[in-house]
Amino acid sequence: MGSGFDIVSGGELHHLQRIGVRGDRIVFSGVGKDRHEIREALNYRVRGQGGRSGILLFNAESEAELDILMEESARLQDESGKSTCSCDSGESRCASRRSPTYRNRASRAQVWPGVV
């Protein structure tokens, strides 16, 4: 059984990248994630290890943070032509995984990159 990592900053994300931790073992929690940190996590990849980019899970702590995450996911999708985001906040889901338009109505939502 492997271990996972719950991080709260871009600095922790870069440290895990330096030591070669796969993205599917990282959960990004904590409040106040900025656009740059979210973008870095969506594009996370360990050198020399193929596979998809991104981390396992984001915990969006506010509607504003979720909006940034959805905007950056859509931007990444437009650049790559691939779906990068699906979200779940209890009962609601993204209207379209290929064109995320979801607006969070809860105080906390989880957003998974790479889910098709």
N, C-alpha and C. Protein backbone atom coordinates (compact mmCIF):
# COMPACT_ATOMS: atom_id res chain seq x y z
N MET A 1 0.84 -1.16 0.00
CA MET A 1 0.00 0.00 0.00
C MET A 1 0.90 1.24 0.00
N GLY A 2 0.62 2.17 -0.88
CA GLY A 2 1.43 3.37 -0.97
C GLY A 2 0.89 4.48 -0.11
N SER A 3 1.63 5.55 -0.08
CA SER A 3 1.18 6.71 0.69
C SER A 3 0.77 7.82 -0.26
N GLY A 4 -0.06 8.70 0.23
CA GLY A 4 -0.48 9.87 -0.52
C GLY A 4 -0.07 11.12 0.22
N PHE A 5 -0.29 12.26 -0.42
CA PHE A 5 0.14 13.53 0.14
C PHE A 5 -0.99 14.53 0.06
N ASP A 6 -1.28 15.17 1.18
CA ASP A 6 -2.26 16.24 1.26
C ASP A 6 -1.47 17.53 1.40
N ILE A 7 -1.51 18.37 0.36
CA ILE A 7 -0.70 19.58 0.36
C ILE A 7 -1.59 20.82 0.46
N VAL A 8 -0.98 21.94 0.87
CA VAL A 8 -1.73 23.18 1.00
C VAL A 8 -1.05 24.36 0.31
N SER A 9 0.05 24.11 -0.44
CA SER A 9 0.73 25.22 -1.09
C SER A 9 1.44 24.76 -2.36
N GLY A 10 1.72 25.74 -3.22
CA GLY A 10 2.48 25.47 -4.41
C GLY A 10 3.90 25.03 -4.09
N GLY A 11 4.46 25.54 -3.01
CA GLY A 11 5.80 25.13 -2.59
C GLY A 11 5.86 23.65 -2.27
N GLU A 12 4.84 23.14 -1.60
CA GLU A 12 4.79 21.70 -1.31
C GLU A 12 4.64 20.90 -2.60
N LEU A 13 3.87 21.42 -3.53
CA LEU A 13 3.70 20.75 -4.82
C LEU A 13 5.05 20.62 -5.54
N HIS A 14 5.81 21.71 -5.56
CA HIS A 14 7.13 21.68 -6.22
C HIS A 14 8.09 20.74 -5.51
N HIS A 15 8.02 20.68 -4.19
CA HIS A 15 8.87 19.74 -3.45
C HIS A 15 8.55 18.30 -3.85
N LEU A 16 7.27 17.97 -3.92
CA LEU A 16 6.88 16.61 -4.31
C LEU A 16 7.32 16.30 -5.73
N GLN A 17 7.28 17.31 -6.60
CA GLN A 17 7.72 17.10 -7.98
C GLN A 17 9.22 16.82 -8.02
N ARG A 18 9.99 17.54 -7.20
CA ARG A 18 11.44 17.33 -7.16
C ARG A 18 11.81 15.93 -6.68
N ILE A 19 11.02 15.37 -5.76
CA ILE A 19 11.35 14.04 -5.26
C ILE A 19 10.66 12.92 -6.04
N GLY A 20 9.89 13.29 -7.09
CA GLY A 20 9.35 12.29 -8.01
C GLY A 20 8.03 11.65 -7.63
N VAL A 21 7.21 12.34 -6.85
CA VAL A 21 5.90 11.79 -6.46
C VAL A 21 4.93 11.93 -7.63
N ARG A 22 4.27 10.84 -7.96
CA ARG A 22 3.26 10.86 -9.04
C ARG A 22 2.07 11.72 -8.65
N GLY A 23 1.46 12.38 -9.63
CA GLY A 23 0.32 13.24 -9.39
C GLY A 23 -0.90 12.53 -8.84
N ASP A 24 -1.05 11.25 -9.16
CA ASP A 24 -2.23 10.52 -8.68
C ASP A 24 -2.15 10.19 -7.19
N ARG A 25 -1.12 10.70 -6.51
CA ARG A 25 -0.98 10.50 -5.07
C ARG A 25 -1.08 11.82 -4.30
N ILE A 26 -1.52 12.89 -5.00
CA ILE A 26 -1.53 14.22 -4.39
C ILE A 26 -2.94 14.79 -4.34
N VAL A 27 -3.31 15.29 -3.15
CA VAL A 27 -4.56 16.01 -2.93
C VAL A 27 -4.17 17.43 -2.53
N PHE A 28 -4.75 18.42 -3.21
CA PHE A 28 -4.44 19.83 -2.93
C PHE A 28 -5.60 20.41 -2.13
N SER A 29 -5.36 20.63 -0.83
CA SER A 29 -6.37 21.19 0.07
C SER A 29 -5.93 22.59 0.48
N GLY A 30 -6.53 23.08 1.52
CA GLY A 30 -6.14 24.38 2.06
C GLY A 30 -6.88 25.52 1.40
N VAL A 31 -6.95 26.62 2.11
CA VAL A 31 -7.66 27.80 1.61
C VAL A 31 -6.70 28.72 0.87
N GLY A 32 -7.26 29.53 -0.02
CA GLY A 32 -6.48 30.59 -0.66
C GLY A 32 -5.54 30.14 -1.76
N LYS A 33 -5.86 29.05 -2.45
CA LYS A 33 -5.03 28.65 -3.60
C LYS A 33 -5.19 29.71 -4.68
N ASP A 34 -4.08 30.22 -5.19
CA ASP A 34 -4.18 31.24 -6.23
C ASP A 34 -4.18 30.60 -7.62
N ARG A 35 -4.44 31.41 -8.62
CA ARG A 35 -4.53 30.93 -10.00
C ARG A 35 -3.26 30.21 -10.44
N HIS A 36 -2.11 30.75 -10.09
CA HIS A 36 -0.83 30.14 -10.49
C HIS A 36 -0.67 28.75 -9.87
N GLU A 37 -0.99 28.60 -8.59
CA GLU A 37 -0.87 27.30 -7.93
C GLU A 37 -1.82 26.28 -8.55
N ILE A 38 -3.03 26.71 -8.86
CA ILE A 38 -4.00 25.81 -9.48
C ILE A 38 -3.52 25.39 -10.86
N ARG A 39 -3.02 26.34 -11.64
CA ARG A 39 -2.50 26.02 -12.97
C ARG A 39 -1.35 25.03 -12.88
N GLU A 40 -0.42 25.26 -11.94
CA GLU A 40 0.71 24.35 -11.76
C GLU A 40 0.24 22.94 -11.39
N ALA A 41 -0.76 22.83 -10.54
CA ALA A 41 -1.26 21.52 -10.14
C ALA A 41 -1.95 20.81 -11.30
N LEU A 42 -2.68 21.56 -12.13
CA LEU A 42 -3.34 20.96 -13.30
C LEU A 42 -2.32 20.45 -14.31
N ASN A 43 -1.17 21.12 -14.38
CA ASN A 43 -0.12 20.73 -15.33
C ASN A 43 0.96 19.87 -14.69
N TYR A 44 0.78 19.47 -13.45
CA TYR A 44 1.78 18.70 -12.70
C TYR A 44 2.19 17.44 -13.46
N ARG A 45 3.48 17.24 -13.54
CA ARG A 45 4.02 16.03 -14.16
C ARG A 45 5.43 15.83 -13.65
N VAL A 46 5.79 14.60 -13.36
CA VAL A 46 7.14 14.28 -12.90
C VAL A 46 7.98 13.94 -14.12
N ARG A 47 9.15 14.57 -14.21
CA ARG A 47 10.03 14.30 -15.36
C ARG A 47 10.41 12.84 -15.43
N GLY A 48 10.42 12.32 -16.65
CA GLY A 48 10.82 10.94 -16.86
C GLY A 48 9.71 9.94 -16.62
N GLN A 49 8.57 10.41 -16.15
CA GLN A 49 7.44 9.52 -15.93
C GLN A 49 6.31 9.95 -16.84
N GLY A 50 5.94 9.07 -17.75
CA GLY A 50 4.86 9.39 -18.68
C GLY A 50 3.53 9.45 -17.98
N GLY A 51 2.48 9.32 -18.72
CA GLY A 51 1.15 9.34 -18.14
C GLY A 51 0.52 10.71 -18.22
N ARG A 52 -0.64 10.80 -17.63
CA ARG A 52 -1.40 12.04 -17.70
C ARG A 52 -0.81 13.07 -16.75
N SER A 53 -1.11 14.31 -17.03
CA SER A 53 -0.68 15.38 -16.14
C SER A 53 -1.78 15.66 -15.12
N GLY A 54 -1.43 16.40 -14.09
CA GLY A 54 -2.40 16.78 -13.08
C GLY A 54 -2.25 15.98 -11.80
N ILE A 55 -2.99 16.40 -10.81
CA ILE A 55 -2.99 15.73 -9.52
C ILE A 55 -4.29 14.96 -9.35
N LEU A 56 -4.38 14.20 -8.28
CA LEU A 56 -5.56 13.37 -8.04
C LEU A 56 -6.80 14.19 -7.73
N LEU A 57 -6.68 15.20 -6.85
CA LEU A 57 -7.88 15.83 -6.32
C LEU A 57 -7.59 17.23 -5.82
N PHE A 58 -8.54 18.14 -6.07
CA PHE A 58 -8.54 19.47 -5.46
C PHE A 58 -9.70 19.53 -4.47
N ASN A 59 -9.48 20.17 -3.34
CA ASN A 59 -10.58 20.54 -2.44
C ASN A 59 -10.75 22.04 -2.60
N ALA A 60 -11.80 22.44 -3.28
CA ALA A 60 -12.07 23.87 -3.48
C ALA A 60 -12.80 24.38 -2.24
N GLU A 61 -12.21 25.35 -1.58
CA GLU A 61 -12.71 25.82 -0.29
C GLU A 61 -13.67 27.00 -0.42
N SER A 62 -13.84 27.54 -1.62
CA SER A 62 -14.75 28.67 -1.81
C SER A 62 -15.27 28.66 -3.24
N GLU A 63 -16.34 29.39 -3.46
CA GLU A 63 -16.88 29.50 -4.82
C GLU A 63 -15.87 30.19 -5.74
N ALA A 64 -15.18 31.19 -5.24
CA ALA A 64 -14.18 31.90 -6.06
C ALA A 64 -13.05 30.96 -6.46
N GLU A 65 -12.60 30.12 -5.53
CA GLU A 65 -11.54 29.15 -5.83
C GLU A 65 -12.02 28.13 -6.86
N LEU A 66 -13.25 27.69 -6.73
CA LEU A 66 -13.82 26.74 -7.69
C LEU A 66 -13.94 27.38 -9.07
N ASP A 67 -14.33 28.63 -9.13
CA ASP A 67 -14.42 29.34 -10.41
C ASP A 67 -13.06 29.39 -11.10
N ILE A 68 -12.00 29.70 -10.33
CA ILE A 68 -10.65 29.74 -10.91
C ILE A 68 -10.28 28.35 -11.42
N LEU A 69 -10.57 27.32 -10.64
CA LEU A 69 -10.25 25.96 -11.04
C LEU A 69 -10.97 25.57 -12.33
N MET A 70 -12.23 25.93 -12.43
CA MET A 70 -12.99 25.61 -13.64
C MET A 70 -12.47 26.40 -14.84
N GLU A 71 -12.14 27.66 -14.65
CA GLU A 71 -11.58 28.47 -15.74
C GLU A 71 -10.26 27.91 -16.23
N GLU A 72 -9.38 27.55 -15.31
CA GLU A 72 -8.08 27.00 -15.69
C GLU A 72 -8.23 25.63 -16.34
N SER A 73 -9.17 24.83 -15.87
CA SER A 73 -9.42 23.52 -16.49
C SER A 73 -9.92 23.69 -17.91
N ALA A 74 -10.82 24.65 -18.11
CA ALA A 74 -11.35 24.92 -19.45
C ALA A 74 -10.24 25.43 -20.37
N ARG A 75 -9.36 26.30 -19.84
CA ARG A 75 -8.24 26.82 -20.63
C ARG A 75 -7.32 25.68 -21.05
N LEU A 76 -7.02 24.78 -20.13
CA LEU A 76 -6.18 23.63 -20.42
C LEU A 76 -6.85 22.72 -21.44
N GLN A 77 -8.15 22.54 -21.31
CA GLN A 77 -8.91 21.73 -22.26
C GLN A 77 -8.84 22.33 -23.66
N ASP A 78 -9.00 23.65 -23.75
CA ASP A 78 -8.94 24.32 -25.04
C ASP A 78 -7.58 24.15 -25.69
N GLU A 79 -6.53 24.20 -24.90
CA GLU A 79 -5.17 24.05 -25.42
C GLU A 79 -4.89 22.63 -25.89
N SER A 80 -5.42 21.64 -25.15
CA SER A 80 -5.09 20.25 -25.46
C SER A 80 -6.16 19.55 -26.28
N GLY A 81 -7.38 20.09 -26.28
CA GLY A 81 -8.48 19.43 -26.98
C GLY A 81 -9.03 18.25 -26.22
N LYS A 82 -8.61 18.09 -24.94
CA LYS A 82 -9.07 16.97 -24.13
C LYS A 82 -9.85 17.49 -22.94
N SER A 83 -10.72 16.64 -22.43
CA SER A 83 -11.46 16.97 -21.22
C SER A 83 -10.54 16.84 -20.03
N THR A 84 -10.57 17.82 -19.11
CA THR A 84 -9.67 17.77 -17.96
C THR A 84 -10.40 17.87 -16.64
N CYS A 85 -11.70 18.04 -16.63
CA CYS A 85 -12.33 18.30 -15.35
C CYS A 85 -13.71 17.68 -15.26
N SER A 86 -13.97 17.18 -14.09
CA SER A 86 -15.31 16.77 -13.71
C SER A 86 -15.48 17.20 -12.27
N CYS A 87 -16.65 17.60 -11.88
CA CYS A 87 -16.82 18.05 -10.51
C CYS A 87 -18.03 17.39 -9.88
N ASP A 88 -18.00 17.32 -8.57
CA ASP A 88 -19.09 16.73 -7.82
C ASP A 88 -19.25 17.50 -6.53
N SER A 89 -20.42 18.03 -6.32
CA SER A 89 -20.72 18.73 -5.07
C SER A 89 -22.03 18.18 -4.52
N GLY A 90 -21.97 16.94 -4.08
CA GLY A 90 -23.17 16.31 -3.56
C GLY A 90 -24.09 15.89 -4.68
N GLU A 91 -25.14 16.66 -4.92
CA GLU A 91 -26.15 16.29 -5.90
C GLU A 91 -25.84 16.81 -7.31
N SER A 92 -25.08 17.90 -7.41
CA SER A 92 -24.88 18.54 -8.70
C SER A 92 -23.63 18.06 -9.40
N ARG A 93 -23.62 18.11 -10.71
CA ARG A 93 -22.45 17.76 -11.52
C ARG A 93 -22.29 18.80 -12.62
N CYS A 94 -21.11 18.82 -13.23
CA CYS A 94 -20.88 19.73 -14.35
C CYS A 94 -21.92 19.45 -15.43
N ALA A 95 -22.40 20.49 -16.06
CA ALA A 95 -23.37 20.32 -17.14
C ALA A 95 -22.73 19.57 -18.29
N SER A 96 -21.49 19.85 -18.56
CA SER A 96 -20.77 19.17 -19.63
C SER A 96 -19.31 19.06 -19.26
N ARG A 97 -18.78 17.88 -19.29
CA ARG A 97 -17.37 17.71 -18.96
C ARG A 97 -16.48 18.31 -20.03
N ARG A 98 -16.97 18.45 -21.24
CA ARG A 98 -16.15 19.04 -22.29
C ARG A 98 -16.21 20.56 -22.25
N SER A 99 -17.19 21.10 -21.58
CA SER A 99 -17.32 22.56 -21.45
C SER A 99 -17.86 22.89 -20.06
N PRO A 100 -16.98 22.86 -19.04
CA PRO A 100 -17.47 23.04 -17.67
C PRO A 100 -18.13 24.40 -17.45
N THR A 101 -19.36 24.38 -16.96
CA THR A 101 -20.07 25.62 -16.69
C THR A 101 -20.63 25.62 -15.27
N TYR A 102 -20.26 24.64 -14.48
CA TYR A 102 -20.79 24.48 -13.14
C TYR A 102 -20.42 25.64 -12.23
N ARG A 103 -21.35 26.08 -11.44
CA ARG A 103 -21.09 27.09 -10.41
C ARG A 103 -21.45 26.46 -9.07
N ASN A 104 -20.53 26.46 -8.16
CA ASN A 104 -20.72 25.82 -6.87
C ASN A 104 -21.79 26.52 -6.04
N ARG A 105 -22.69 25.75 -5.46
CA ARG A 105 -23.70 26.28 -4.56
C ARG A 105 -23.42 25.84 -3.13
N ALA A 106 -22.43 24.99 -2.94
CA ALA A 106 -22.07 24.52 -1.60
C ALA A 106 -20.81 25.26 -1.14
N SER A 107 -20.47 25.09 0.12
CA SER A 107 -19.30 25.77 0.64
C SER A 107 -18.02 25.02 0.30
N ARG A 108 -18.13 23.75 -0.08
CA ARG A 108 -16.95 22.95 -0.38
C ARG A 108 -17.29 21.98 -1.51
N ALA A 109 -16.42 21.87 -2.48
CA ALA A 109 -16.63 20.94 -3.59
C ALA A 109 -15.32 20.26 -3.91
N GLN A 110 -15.42 19.08 -4.49
CA GLN A 110 -14.22 18.37 -4.93
C GLN A 110 -14.24 18.34 -6.44
N VAL A 111 -13.10 18.63 -7.03
CA VAL A 111 -12.98 18.67 -8.47
C VAL A 111 -11.85 17.74 -8.87
N TRP A 112 -12.16 16.80 -9.77
CA TRP A 112 -11.18 15.82 -10.21
C TRP A 112 -10.70 16.14 -11.62
N PRO A 113 -9.40 16.41 -11.82
CA PRO A 113 -8.88 16.59 -13.17
C PRO A 113 -8.69 15.25 -13.85
N GLY A 114 -8.77 15.23 -15.14
CA GLY A 114 -8.46 14.03 -15.90
C GLY A 114 -9.56 13.02 -16.00
N VAL A 115 -10.68 13.23 -15.37
CA VAL A 115 -11.77 12.27 -15.42
C VAL A 115 -12.56 12.51 -16.70
N VAL A 116 -12.69 11.49 -17.50
CA VAL A 116 -13.42 11.62 -18.77
C VAL A 116 -14.75 10.95 -18.68
